[in-house]
Amino acid sequence: MQNSRKTKAVEITKNDNQIDQHSKVNLDKLYLECMEEMDLLEELVILFRQNALEFIGKIKLSIKNVDFKELDFATHKILAGLKMMKAFSLLAIVGQIHENYETTQDIKTIENLYNCFLKEYPIVEQAIGDEVERLKKM
């Protein structure tokens, strides 16, 4: 049984760069960290989606209320999930929101970045679903 697990891990590692170039996310490492338990991976995806929706709501309110403290909290909370999903496009946007908070606190720039997040999130969410389906077939 262990040999098949090792073989699968080698396959995933070999394809890592290829997946990064063609996909918005990469769940291979997370799947391995879940000990190849699809139920656990799917639970983490559900939690990520809930956190992302919470982030969207909190940032919208933070912008409306010009509440930089809440904005800072919301960006910190979503970062771990974005890293876990290897959602680098969203990670870059959230990183820029956080950087703007720490430097200029330009609410218009933050609002523009938030709008970029809103446009990119459905694409990433679809990519996560595609990745889960790909891993189920392995």
C-alpha atoms as a PDB file:
ATOM      1  CA  MET A   1       0.000   0.000   0.000  1.00  0.00           C
ATOM      2  CA  GLN A   2       2.794   2.444   0.816  1.00  0.00           C
ATOM      3  CA  ASN A   3       4.409   1.939  -2.582  1.00  0.00           C
ATOM      4  CA  SER A   4       1.316   3.150  -4.404  1.00  0.00           C
ATOM      5  CA  ARG A   5       1.213   6.235  -2.200  1.00  0.00           C
ATOM      6  CA  LYS A   6       4.860   6.996  -2.961  1.00  0.00           C
ATOM      7  CA  THR A   7       4.275   6.529  -6.671  1.00  0.00           C
ATOM      8  CA  LYS A   8       1.329   8.897  -6.595  1.00  0.00           C
ATOM      9  CA  ALA A   9       3.372  11.508  -4.704  1.00  0.00           C
ATOM     10  CA  VAL A  10       6.160  11.311  -7.280  1.00  0.00           C
ATOM     11  CA  GLU A  11       3.637  11.788 -10.091  1.00  0.00           C
ATOM     12  CA  ILE A  12       2.186  14.834  -8.382  1.00  0.00           C
ATOM     13  CA  THR A  13       5.597  16.363  -7.755  1.00  0.00           C
ATOM     14  CA  LYS A  14       6.649  15.835 -11.373  1.00  0.00           C
ATOM     15  CA  ASN A  15       3.578  17.657 -12.648  1.00  0.00           C
ATOM     16  CA  ASP A  16       3.766  20.507 -10.119  1.00  0.00           C
ATOM     17  CA  ASN A  17       5.352  23.103 -12.424  1.00  0.00           C
ATOM     18  CA  GLN A  18       3.093  22.231 -15.321  1.00  0.00           C
ATOM     19  CA  ILE A  19       0.008  22.706 -13.156  1.00  0.00           C
ATOM     20  CA  ASP A  20       1.252  26.044 -11.799  1.00  0.00           C
ATOM     21  CA  GLN A  21       1.639  27.398 -15.331  1.00  0.00           C
ATOM     22  CA  HIS A  22      -1.813  26.343 -16.530  1.00  0.00           C
ATOM     23  CA  SER A  23      -4.029  26.711 -13.485  1.00  0.00           C
ATOM     24  CA  LYS A  24      -5.098  29.374 -11.026  1.00  0.00           C
ATOM     25  CA  VAL A  25      -4.568  26.982  -8.086  1.00  0.00           C
ATOM     26  CA  ASN A  26      -2.698  23.827  -7.201  1.00  0.00           C
ATOM     27  CA  LEU A  27      -4.099  21.437  -4.617  1.00  0.00           C
ATOM     28  CA  ASP A  28      -1.549  18.638  -5.051  1.00  0.00           C
ATOM     29  CA  LYS A  29       0.466  19.430  -1.936  1.00  0.00           C
ATOM     30  CA  LEU A  30      -2.652  20.036   0.126  1.00  0.00           C
ATOM     31  CA  TYR A  31      -4.079  16.706  -1.047  1.00  0.00           C
ATOM     32  CA  LEU A  32      -0.913  14.943   0.089  1.00  0.00           C
ATOM     33  CA  GLU A  33      -1.046  16.791   3.424  1.00  0.00           C
ATOM     34  CA  CYS A  34      -4.608  15.450   3.763  1.00  0.00           C
ATOM     35  CA  MET A  35      -3.088  11.976   3.423  1.00  0.00           C
ATOM     36  CA  GLU A  36      -4.940  11.644   0.114  1.00  0.00           C
ATOM     37  CA  GLU A  37      -8.283  11.747   1.933  1.00  0.00           C
ATOM     38  CA  MET A  38     -10.667  13.406  -0.513  1.00  0.00           C
ATOM     39  CA  ASP A  39     -13.277  14.084   2.190  1.00  0.00           C
ATOM     40  CA  LEU A  40     -10.758  16.089   4.192  1.00  0.00           C
ATOM     41  CA  LEU A  41      -9.645  18.046   1.122  1.00  0.00           C
ATOM     42  CA  GLU A  42     -13.239  18.836   0.235  1.00  0.00           C
ATOM     43  CA  GLU A  43     -13.886  20.045   3.797  1.00  0.00           C
ATOM     44  CA  LEU A  44     -10.898  22.393   3.560  1.00  0.00           C
ATOM     45  CA  VAL A  45     -12.201  23.711   0.237  1.00  0.00           C
ATOM     46  CA  ILE A  46     -15.595  24.405   1.817  1.00  0.00           C
ATOM     47  CA  LEU A  47     -13.929  26.271   4.690  1.00  0.00           C
ATOM     48  CA  PHE A  48     -11.804  28.251   2.232  1.00  0.00           C
ATOM     49  CA  ARG A  49     -14.883  29.289   0.249  1.00  0.00           C
ATOM     50  CA  GLN A  50     -16.657  30.386   3.429  1.00  0.00           C
ATOM     51  CA  ASN A  51     -13.611  32.426   4.485  1.00  0.00           C
ATOM     52  CA  ALA A  52     -13.371  34.007   1.038  1.00  0.00           C
ATOM     53  CA  LEU A  53     -17.026  35.068   1.132  1.00  0.00           C
ATOM     54  CA  GLU A  54     -16.548  36.442   4.638  1.00  0.00           C
ATOM     55  CA  PHE A  55     -13.482  38.341   3.388  1.00  0.00           C
ATOM     56  CA  ILE A  56     -15.489  39.843   0.524  1.00  0.00           C
ATOM     57  CA  GLY A  57     -18.170  41.076   2.924  1.00  0.00           C
ATOM     58  CA  LYS A  58     -15.746  42.434   5.512  1.00  0.00           C
ATOM     59  CA  ILE A  59     -13.631  44.288   2.968  1.00  0.00           C
ATOM     60  CA  LYS A  60     -16.726  45.823   1.402  1.00  0.00           C
ATOM     61  CA  LEU A  61     -17.783  47.140   4.830  1.00  0.00           C
ATOM     62  CA  SER A  62     -14.240  48.225   5.655  1.00  0.00           C
ATOM     63  CA  ILE A  63     -14.098  50.300   2.494  1.00  0.00           C
ATOM     64  CA  LYS A  64     -17.553  51.784   3.094  1.00  0.00           C
ATOM     65  CA  ASN A  65     -16.681  52.686   6.695  1.00  0.00           C
ATOM     66  CA  VAL A  66     -13.016  53.506   5.964  1.00  0.00           C
ATOM     67  CA  ASP A  67     -12.164  51.044   8.737  1.00  0.00           C
ATOM     68  CA  PHE A  68      -8.506  50.176   8.273  1.00  0.00           C
ATOM     69  CA  LYS A  69      -8.304  48.081  11.434  1.00  0.00           C
ATOM     70  CA  GLU A  70     -11.018  45.701  10.187  1.00  0.00           C
ATOM     71  CA  LEU A  71      -9.435  45.698   6.738  1.00  0.00           C
ATOM     72  CA  ASP A  72      -6.110  44.644   8.245  1.00  0.00           C
ATOM     73  CA  PHE A  73      -7.781  41.864  10.245  1.00  0.00           C
ATOM     74  CA  ALA A  74      -9.676  40.560   7.189  1.00  0.00           C
ATOM     75  CA  THR A  75      -6.578  40.479   4.988  1.00  0.00           C
ATOM     76  CA  HIS A  76      -4.586  38.572   7.597  1.00  0.00           C
ATOM     77  CA  LYS A  77      -7.390  36.050   8.047  1.00  0.00           C
ATOM     78  CA  ILE A  78      -7.659  35.159   4.333  1.00  0.00           C
ATOM     79  CA  LEU A  79      -3.910  34.920   3.613  1.00  0.00           C
ATOM     80  CA  ALA A  80      -3.422  31.427   5.051  1.00  0.00           C
ATOM     81  CA  GLY A  81      -6.251  29.992   2.964  1.00  0.00           C
ATOM     82  CA  LEU A  82      -4.949  31.600  -0.215  1.00  0.00           C
ATOM     83  CA  LYS A  83      -1.495  30.180   0.433  1.00  0.00           C
ATOM     84  CA  MET A  84      -2.948  26.761   1.223  1.00  0.00           C
ATOM     85  CA  MET A  85      -4.870  26.713  -2.074  1.00  0.00           C
ATOM     86  CA  LYS A  86      -1.884  28.151  -3.917  1.00  0.00           C
ATOM     87  CA  ALA A  87      -4.221  30.814  -5.295  1.00  0.00           C
ATOM     88  CA  PHE A  88      -1.386  33.145  -6.193  1.00  0.00           C
ATOM     89  CA  SER A  89      -3.440  35.622  -8.236  1.00  0.00           C
ATOM     90  CA  LEU A  90      -5.722  36.341  -5.264  1.00  0.00           C
ATOM     91  CA  LEU A  91      -2.778  36.232  -2.890  1.00  0.00           C
ATOM     92  CA  ALA A  92      -1.108  39.013  -4.883  1.00  0.00           C
ATOM     93  CA  ILE A  93      -4.247  41.170  -4.749  1.00  0.00           C
ATOM     94  CA  VAL A  94      -4.705  40.691  -0.995  1.00  0.00           C
ATOM     95  CA  GLY A  95      -0.997  41.380  -0.509  1.00  0.00           C
ATOM     96  CA  GLN A  96      -1.386  44.688  -2.335  1.00  0.00           C
ATOM     97  CA  ILE A  97      -4.435  45.582  -0.225  1.00  0.00           C
ATOM     98  CA  HIS A  98      -2.432  44.882   2.921  1.00  0.00           C
ATOM     99  CA  GLU A  99       0.592  46.802   1.646  1.00  0.00           C
ATOM    100  CA  ASN A 100      -1.593  49.791   0.816  1.00  0.00           C
ATOM    101  CA  TYR A 101      -3.083  49.658   4.289  1.00  0.00           C
ATOM    102  CA  GLU A 102       0.408  49.747   5.814  1.00  0.00           C
ATOM    103  CA  THR A 103       1.687  52.566   3.608  1.00  0.00           C
ATOM    104  CA  THR A 104      -0.658  55.096   2.012  1.00  0.00           C
ATOM    105  CA  GLN A 105      -4.090  53.969   3.229  1.00  0.00           C
ATOM    106  CA  ASP A 106      -5.543  55.151  -0.064  1.00  0.00           C
ATOM    107  CA  ILE A 107      -9.128  53.931   0.106  1.00  0.00           C
ATOM    108  CA  LYS A 108      -9.674  54.372  -3.662  1.00  0.00           C
ATOM    109  CA  THR A 109      -6.720  52.108  -4.447  1.00  0.00           C
ATOM    110  CA  ILE A 110      -7.984  49.568  -1.931  1.00  0.00           C
ATOM    111  CA  GLU A 111     -11.425  49.726  -3.523  1.00  0.00           C
ATOM    112  CA  ASN A 112      -9.910  49.121  -6.973  1.00  0.00           C
ATOM    113  CA  LEU A 113      -7.958  46.145  -5.628  1.00  0.00           C
ATOM    114  CA  TYR A 114     -11.111  44.836  -3.980  1.00  0.00           C
ATOM    115  CA  ASN A 115     -12.881  45.018  -7.344  1.00  0.00           C
ATOM    116  CA  CYS A 116      -9.988  43.070  -8.879  1.00  0.00           C
ATOM    117  CA  PHE A 117     -10.464  40.429  -6.178  1.00  0.00           C
ATOM    118  CA  LEU A 118     -14.183  40.250  -6.993  1.00  0.00           C
ATOM    119  CA  LYS A 119     -13.432  39.662 -10.677  1.00  0.00           C
ATOM    120  CA  GLU A 120     -10.721  37.066 -10.024  1.00  0.00           C
ATOM    121  CA  TYR A 121     -12.414  35.106  -7.240  1.00  0.00           C
ATOM    122  CA  PRO A 122     -15.014  33.278  -9.386  1.00  0.00           C
ATOM    123  CA  ILE A 123     -12.239  32.191 -11.761  1.00  0.00           C
ATOM    124  CA  VAL A 124     -10.181  30.844  -8.862  1.00  0.00           C
ATOM    125  CA  GLU A 125     -13.221  29.213  -7.275  1.00  0.00           C
ATOM    126  CA  GLN A 126     -13.894  27.379 -10.562  1.00  0.00           C
ATOM    127  CA  ALA A 127     -10.232  26.351 -10.752  1.00  0.00           C
ATOM    128  CA  ILE A 128     -10.450  24.913  -7.236  1.00  0.00           C
ATOM    129  CA  GLY A 129     -13.459  22.863  -8.263  1.00  0.00           C
ATOM    130  CA  ASP A 130     -11.601  21.666 -11.361  1.00  0.00           C
ATOM    131  CA  GLU A 131      -8.583  20.693  -9.237  1.00  0.00           C
ATOM    132  CA  VAL A 132     -10.763  18.693  -6.836  1.00  0.00           C
ATOM    133  CA  GLU A 133     -12.294  16.844  -9.790  1.00  0.00           C
ATOM    134  CA  ARG A 134      -8.851  16.181 -11.280  1.00  0.00           C
ATOM    135  CA  LEU A 135      -7.607  14.768  -7.986  1.00  0.00           C
ATOM    136  CA  LYS A 136     -10.676  12.540  -7.632  1.00  0.00           C
ATOM    137  CA  LYS A 137      -9.732  10.880 -10.921  1.00  0.00           C
ATOM    138  CA  MET A 138      -6.213  10.013  -9.747  1.00  0.00           C
END
